[in-house]
Amino acid sequence: MKIAVENHSGDMQAWELAALIEAAGKDFVGATMDSGNAARTLEDPLVNLEILGPHVLTTNIRDSAVWEVPPGAQVQWVTMGKGNVDWKVYLDRFEALCPGVPVVLEIISQYGWVLPYFDDGFWKPYPKVRAREFARFVAFAKRGKAAPRFQTPQGNDPKQYEKQFQKDELERSLQYCREVLRLGTKA
């Protein structure tokens, strides 16, 4: 039995989780790698993969749109294929670093956050962010485009609308993964 610790939203960057795994012992502990949480933690998901790849036991894969805003960057989890993650590059590297590890989708696309990294107060929970990796995140945000924010249209029941929205997002993500990325298909 192994414990798979997730790179959770804002808790630790990939290098910190990798260090924790190595200190605990790779025979006992590995990573649940969440590509969406990487963006929430000031990391380009590809950088996160490079660091955590050797430790991955399982995944939570989702797309993220990240773009520049005046206070820093906006992160929005989006339907697969609608963000600025280059999934073909990502999955080629994933296959090399994580052989035999399944791609498990986690479709959550109604949440977003501003990461106001131009504000000095923002950095208190991030005292050890490494400059080179942060620069990759900033470059990732520069390539991004704003994504529409989730909101219930006026006149709709919020719970019913969100339920249908989540179902539609899952279906679109599965279609993208099958048709574009060829996941779940046999060659």
Foldseek 3Di string as FASTA:
>chain_A
DAAAAELAAQQDALQVVLVVCVVVDLVHYAHAYELLSNLSNLFNSLVSCVRRLLRHQEYAYFAWAWAADVLGIKIFTAFPPQHLRPVLVSVVVSCVSHPPYDHHYDRDGQDMDDQRVNDPVSCPSPPPDDPVRNVVSSVSRHPGDDDDHDDDPPPDDVVVVVVVVSVVSVVRNVCCCCPPVVPPHDD
